[in-house]
N, C-alpha and C. Protein backbone atom coordinates (compact mmCIF):
# COMPACT_ATOMS: atom_id res chain seq x y z
N MET A 1 83.43 121.15 77.28
CA MET A 1 84.78 120.70 77.08
C MET A 1 84.89 119.30 77.69
N THR A 2 85.45 118.38 76.94
CA THR A 2 85.63 117.02 77.41
C THR A 2 87.03 116.87 78.00
N SER A 3 87.11 116.26 79.16
CA SER A 3 88.39 116.06 79.81
C SER A 3 88.63 114.58 80.01
N SER A 4 89.87 114.14 79.83
CA SER A 4 90.20 112.74 80.02
C SER A 4 90.44 112.43 81.49
N ALA A 5 90.51 113.47 82.32
CA ALA A 5 90.71 113.24 83.75
C ALA A 5 89.45 112.64 84.36
N HIS A 6 89.64 111.76 85.31
CA HIS A 6 88.50 111.14 85.98
C HIS A 6 88.36 111.74 87.37
N PRO A 7 87.14 111.72 87.90
CA PRO A 7 86.99 112.20 89.27
C PRO A 7 87.71 111.23 90.22
N PRO A 8 88.20 111.73 91.34
CA PRO A 8 88.89 110.85 92.28
C PRO A 8 87.99 109.69 92.71
N PHE A 9 88.57 108.54 92.83
CA PHE A 9 87.90 107.30 93.15
C PHE A 9 88.40 106.85 94.51
N LYS A 10 87.51 106.42 95.40
CA LYS A 10 87.91 105.89 96.70
C LYS A 10 87.86 104.37 96.62
N ILE A 11 89.01 103.76 96.82
CA ILE A 11 89.12 102.30 96.75
C ILE A 11 89.30 101.78 98.17
N GLY A 12 88.36 100.98 98.62
CA GLY A 12 88.40 100.44 99.97
C GLY A 12 89.11 99.10 100.02
N TYR A 13 89.82 98.86 101.12
CA TYR A 13 90.50 97.58 101.32
C TYR A 13 90.26 97.11 102.75
N ALA A 14 89.80 95.87 102.89
CA ALA A 14 89.58 95.26 104.20
C ALA A 14 90.35 93.94 104.24
N ARG A 15 90.86 93.62 105.45
CA ARG A 15 91.55 92.34 105.62
C ARG A 15 91.23 91.78 106.99
N VAL A 16 90.88 90.50 107.01
CA VAL A 16 90.74 89.78 108.27
C VAL A 16 91.81 88.71 108.29
N SER A 17 92.34 88.42 109.47
CA SER A 17 93.47 87.51 109.58
C SER A 17 93.09 86.04 109.58
N THR A 18 91.91 85.74 110.05
CA THR A 18 91.51 84.33 110.10
C THR A 18 90.11 84.17 109.53
N ILE A 19 89.79 82.95 109.18
CA ILE A 19 88.48 82.64 108.61
C ILE A 19 87.36 82.89 109.62
N GLU A 20 87.69 82.81 110.92
CA GLU A 20 86.68 83.01 111.96
C GLU A 20 86.32 84.49 112.14
N GLN A 21 87.20 85.37 111.71
CA GLN A 21 86.94 86.80 111.88
C GLN A 21 85.93 87.27 110.85
N ASP A 22 85.19 88.31 111.21
CA ASP A 22 84.16 88.87 110.34
C ASP A 22 84.59 90.27 109.91
N GLU A 23 84.55 90.51 108.62
CA GLU A 23 84.97 91.82 108.11
C GLU A 23 83.85 92.86 108.11
N ALA A 24 82.69 92.54 108.69
CA ALA A 24 81.53 93.44 108.64
C ALA A 24 81.83 94.84 109.19
N LEU A 25 82.54 94.94 110.30
CA LEU A 25 82.87 96.25 110.87
C LEU A 25 83.70 97.08 109.90
N GLN A 26 84.67 96.45 109.26
CA GLN A 26 85.51 97.15 108.29
C GLN A 26 84.69 97.57 107.07
N LEU A 27 83.86 96.66 106.57
CA LEU A 27 83.05 96.98 105.39
C LEU A 27 82.09 98.12 105.67
N ASP A 28 81.49 98.12 106.86
CA ASP A 28 80.59 99.21 107.24
C ASP A 28 81.33 100.54 107.25
N ALA A 29 82.53 100.55 107.83
CA ALA A 29 83.32 101.79 107.89
C ALA A 29 83.71 102.26 106.49
N LEU A 30 84.07 101.33 105.61
CA LEU A 30 84.44 101.69 104.24
C LEU A 30 83.24 102.22 103.46
N GLN A 31 82.08 101.63 103.69
CA GLN A 31 80.87 102.13 103.04
C GLN A 31 80.51 103.52 103.54
N ARG A 32 80.66 103.76 104.85
CA ARG A 32 80.40 105.08 105.41
C ARG A 32 81.41 106.12 104.89
N ALA A 33 82.60 105.65 104.51
CA ALA A 33 83.62 106.55 103.94
C ALA A 33 83.38 106.76 102.45
N CYS A 34 82.29 106.18 101.93
CA CYS A 34 81.90 106.32 100.52
C CYS A 34 82.91 105.69 99.56
N ALA A 35 83.45 104.53 99.94
CA ALA A 35 84.34 103.82 99.03
C ALA A 35 83.55 103.41 97.80
N ASP A 36 84.11 103.68 96.63
CA ASP A 36 83.45 103.35 95.38
C ASP A 36 83.53 101.86 95.07
N ARG A 37 84.60 101.24 95.51
CA ARG A 37 84.80 99.81 95.29
C ARG A 37 85.59 99.28 96.47
N ILE A 38 85.25 98.07 96.93
CA ILE A 38 85.90 97.50 98.11
C ILE A 38 86.47 96.13 97.78
N PHE A 39 87.71 95.92 98.21
CA PHE A 39 88.40 94.64 98.02
C PHE A 39 88.67 94.04 99.40
N VAL A 40 88.58 92.71 99.50
CA VAL A 40 88.74 92.04 100.79
C VAL A 40 89.72 90.88 100.66
N ASP A 41 90.57 90.73 101.69
CA ASP A 41 91.45 89.56 101.81
C ASP A 41 91.17 88.88 103.13
N ARG A 42 91.32 87.58 103.13
CA ARG A 42 91.25 86.79 104.36
C ARG A 42 92.60 86.10 104.50
N ALA A 43 93.54 86.81 105.12
CA ALA A 43 94.91 86.32 105.23
C ALA A 43 95.64 87.08 106.33
N SER A 44 96.64 86.46 106.88
CA SER A 44 97.49 87.09 107.89
C SER A 44 98.22 88.28 107.27
N GLY A 45 98.49 89.29 108.08
CA GLY A 45 99.22 90.46 107.61
C GLY A 45 100.65 90.15 107.22
N SER A 46 101.16 89.00 107.67
CA SER A 46 102.53 88.65 107.34
C SER A 46 102.64 87.98 105.97
N ILE A 47 101.51 87.57 105.41
CA ILE A 47 101.52 86.92 104.10
C ILE A 47 101.65 87.98 103.02
N GLN A 48 102.62 87.82 102.15
CA GLN A 48 102.89 88.82 101.11
C GLN A 48 101.88 88.75 99.97
N ASP A 49 101.38 87.57 99.64
CA ASP A 49 100.46 87.41 98.52
C ASP A 49 99.04 87.67 98.98
N ARG A 50 98.55 88.88 98.69
CA ARG A 50 97.18 89.24 99.06
C ARG A 50 96.47 89.73 97.80
N PRO A 51 95.72 88.83 97.17
CA PRO A 51 95.08 89.17 95.90
C PRO A 51 94.14 90.38 95.98
N GLY A 52 93.45 90.54 97.10
CA GLY A 52 92.55 91.69 97.24
C GLY A 52 93.30 93.00 97.21
N LEU A 53 94.42 93.07 97.93
CA LEU A 53 95.23 94.29 97.94
C LEU A 53 95.85 94.53 96.57
N THR A 54 96.32 93.46 95.95
CA THR A 54 96.89 93.59 94.60
C THR A 54 95.85 94.14 93.64
N SER A 55 94.63 93.61 93.69
CA SER A 55 93.56 94.09 92.81
C SER A 55 93.19 95.53 93.11
N ALA A 56 93.16 95.89 94.40
CA ALA A 56 92.84 97.28 94.77
C ALA A 56 93.88 98.24 94.20
N LEU A 57 95.15 97.88 94.33
CA LEU A 57 96.21 98.75 93.83
C LEU A 57 96.22 98.80 92.30
N GLU A 58 95.89 97.69 91.65
CA GLU A 58 95.82 97.69 90.19
C GLU A 58 94.65 98.53 89.69
N CYS A 59 93.59 98.60 90.48
CA CYS A 59 92.40 99.38 90.13
C CYS A 59 92.67 100.89 90.25
N ALA A 60 93.58 101.24 91.14
CA ALA A 60 93.84 102.66 91.42
C ALA A 60 94.49 103.37 90.25
N ARG A 61 94.03 104.59 90.05
CA ARG A 61 94.62 105.46 89.04
C ARG A 61 95.16 106.70 89.74
N ARG A 62 95.98 107.45 89.04
CA ARG A 62 96.54 108.67 89.61
C ARG A 62 95.39 109.55 90.14
N GLY A 63 95.53 109.99 91.40
CA GLY A 63 94.53 110.84 92.02
C GLY A 63 93.53 110.09 92.89
N ASP A 64 93.50 108.75 92.79
CA ASP A 64 92.59 107.95 93.60
C ASP A 64 93.14 107.80 95.01
N SER A 65 92.28 107.38 95.93
CA SER A 65 92.67 107.17 97.32
C SER A 65 92.40 105.73 97.72
N LEU A 66 93.33 105.16 98.47
CA LEU A 66 93.13 103.85 99.07
C LEU A 66 92.64 104.09 100.49
N VAL A 67 91.48 103.55 100.82
CA VAL A 67 90.86 103.77 102.12
C VAL A 67 90.87 102.46 102.90
N VAL A 68 91.36 102.51 104.14
CA VAL A 68 91.35 101.34 105.01
C VAL A 68 90.74 101.74 106.35
N TRP A 69 90.21 100.76 107.05
CA TRP A 69 89.61 100.99 108.35
C TRP A 69 90.69 101.39 109.36
N ARG A 70 91.79 100.65 109.37
CA ARG A 70 92.95 100.95 110.19
C ARG A 70 94.20 100.60 109.39
N LEU A 71 95.28 101.29 109.64
CA LEU A 71 96.51 101.04 108.88
C LEU A 71 97.03 99.61 109.04
N ASP A 72 96.76 98.98 110.17
CA ASP A 72 97.25 97.61 110.36
C ASP A 72 96.56 96.60 109.44
N ARG A 73 95.53 97.03 108.73
CA ARG A 73 94.87 96.14 107.76
C ARG A 73 95.73 95.97 106.52
N LEU A 74 96.66 96.91 106.28
CA LEU A 74 97.56 96.80 105.13
C LEU A 74 98.71 95.84 105.39
N GLY A 75 99.12 95.71 106.62
CA GLY A 75 100.24 94.82 106.94
C GLY A 75 100.59 94.92 108.41
N ARG A 76 101.53 94.10 108.82
CA ARG A 76 101.90 94.05 110.24
C ARG A 76 102.67 95.27 110.70
N SER A 77 103.33 95.95 109.78
CA SER A 77 104.09 97.14 110.17
C SER A 77 103.88 98.23 109.13
N LEU A 78 104.11 99.46 109.54
CA LEU A 78 103.98 100.58 108.61
C LEU A 78 104.98 100.44 107.48
N ARG A 79 106.18 99.96 107.78
CA ARG A 79 107.20 99.77 106.74
C ARG A 79 106.71 98.78 105.68
N THR A 80 106.16 97.65 106.12
CA THR A 80 105.64 96.64 105.19
C THR A 80 104.51 97.22 104.35
N SER A 81 103.60 97.94 105.00
CA SER A 81 102.46 98.53 104.29
C SER A 81 102.93 99.54 103.25
N SER A 82 103.83 100.41 103.65
CA SER A 82 104.35 101.43 102.75
C SER A 82 105.09 100.80 101.57
N THR A 83 105.90 99.81 101.84
CA THR A 83 106.66 99.15 100.78
C THR A 83 105.74 98.45 99.80
N SER A 84 104.71 97.78 100.30
CA SER A 84 103.77 97.07 99.44
C SER A 84 103.08 98.03 98.47
N CYS A 85 102.59 99.13 99.01
CA CYS A 85 101.88 100.10 98.18
C CYS A 85 102.81 100.80 97.19
N THR A 86 103.95 101.22 97.67
CA THR A 86 104.91 101.92 96.81
C THR A 86 105.40 101.03 95.68
N THR A 87 105.76 99.80 95.98
CA THR A 87 106.25 98.87 94.97
C THR A 87 105.19 98.57 93.93
N SER A 88 103.97 98.32 94.37
CA SER A 88 102.89 97.99 93.45
C SER A 88 102.56 99.15 92.53
N LYS A 89 102.50 100.35 93.07
CA LYS A 89 102.12 101.51 92.26
C LYS A 89 103.26 101.99 91.37
N ALA A 90 104.49 101.78 91.78
CA ALA A 90 105.63 102.23 90.97
C ALA A 90 105.60 101.58 89.61
N ALA A 91 105.20 100.35 89.54
CA ALA A 91 105.15 99.63 88.26
C ALA A 91 103.93 100.06 87.43
N ALA A 92 102.88 100.52 88.10
CA ALA A 92 101.63 100.80 87.39
C ALA A 92 101.52 102.23 86.88
N LEU A 93 102.13 103.19 87.55
CA LEU A 93 101.95 104.59 87.15
C LEU A 93 103.01 105.02 86.16
N PRO A 94 102.58 105.77 85.14
CA PRO A 94 103.54 106.26 84.13
C PRO A 94 104.44 107.36 84.69
């Protein structure tokens, strides 16, 4: 029987705040978490335009998981992080 459902996909997201910071620790953790695809941003958490996060959320399908090393990698506050993800996915999911 053929099913149109896809197996859950783990989408990794890493962010470093400055060019001097190294994302290696985050990437290692995401790889150990078996992320299928990893997106990276080099920007402050206060900056709203983060192409890596946007691409990660656009890649996500219903049932997929967004994996981060720490929640503060999504934004400066839980409210900001939650709003970013909710707003982005609301437009994408049927």
